[in-house]
Amino acid sequence: LFGSRKDDGALSVRKWCWKGAMPRKRRTKSRSSKLSMLKAQARTAACLLPCVKDGLPEAKAVLAQSYHKGKGLRKNIKAAIKLYEEAALHPTRPSIPAMYNLGTLFRDKGDEKLAVHWFSRAADFKASEMQIKDSENRSAIINSSFVMGTYFQGLDAKLRLSKAGLDDVLAKKYYSKAASLGHAKSQFNLATLLIGSKNEKVKDPKSAVQWYEKAAKQDIGGAYYMLAQIYSQNKIMKVDLKKAEYYAAKAHEKGISEAKELHKQISNEAKRKIRYIEEKLRELRAWEAAEQEKKEGEELHMYKISPYFRFRLRSEPTMDRNKTTGKILEPGTIFRVRTVTQRKEENGLSQTYLQLFDGSGWAFVEHPSSKDKRQLVLKVHITNEILVEISRMVSTTE
């Protein structure tokens, strides 16, 4: 240890600082150099010795950490294990951080059995509300639960579990504990487990969305990406392109390369739906206007020019290009029809002729070439089902 017992002036003072600080009388000046930091750590370790002799588990856990990490004391894993175990097995106030640190220590040593034993003890510890409020206890419980969740999913790099030992039920249990305490990675892993698990007792896609949203609030890129997919696919949740586009953009900001293409697809789909809605609303307005003009007993026939063609009206029901009226209907033009006539042409094509209601000429439905199956004119028909569809699509894109 640096300095003498007399110089430290701490062993006679019973006001100990548990988080690695110096005794309060000596807390100050020099932390600028590495040497002064080492001196401070050494003084802290010296201050803890009387409390360790008194059997205080908190002091044993902190001193064990000094031996474990080599902070203020020469690194001594054997001494660290002994003190950690004494703190973790204290009959009235067992130290949760000591349990977690033991798990970490044994995992680093490659002792899977003991590592899992101590991680599970920390994760399963029934802590009181007061204990959970303590940041070190909370951190130990969260980290131990997360490690156990990854262990039972086979995701831990150091604790390898055979395929036969993988258990989604236990993974869900441990992830849930850490996720409920606000651990973002556990929230994401839990959501992914609830969607992808083959165990029907574990699978719960609706709950997964809630956990993804909680993880997204903590800026987890993977959660953004998964939510973008969920809200664009109409499988787990109803399609919501506004949300999907937002989450895809956030995922791209977080550096997920696939999110750029997903955002582009969602954006294009949103634009396509907007165009479709606008076209249907235009048809609806034309239909309603025609409904008001039609007389009682008249049938209402509405058509529109295909968006891919311009149409030259004919003076009579024929496909002959020499018999046009000179009037051209632009793509998308909606018009009312007075007469509908069907006739089989010489080339074998069954053609439908439409006389415009205002008497300005004739149009026909099928393409003049029998090899081209596209229609030049499309029928407009407004039903309750179409109105419901328009309403639904408006709600998912606005």
Foldseek 3Di string as FASTA:
>chain_A
DPDDPVVLPQQVPPQADLPQARRPVPGDDDPPDPVVQLVRNLNNLVNLVVVVVVQALSSLQSNLVCLCVVRSHRNDPVSSLVSLVSQQVPPPHRDLLSLLVQLVVCLVVLNQVSNLVSLVCLLPPPDDPVQCVPPSSVVSNLVSLQVQLCLLCQNDPRNGDDPVSRDLVSSLVSLVSNVVSPDLVSLQVLLVSLPPPPDPVSNDNVVSLVSLVSSVVVPDLVSLQVNLVVQCPCDSDDNALVSNLVSLVSSVVVPDVVSVVSNVVSVVVLVVLVVVLVLLVVLVVVQVVVVVVDDPPADWWKKFFAQVDKDFFFADPDPDPVGGLRDIHHHSDMFTFRDWDWDQDPVRDIKIKTQTPVRSGIDIFADPDPVDGHTRMGTRDDDPVVVVVSVVSVNRND
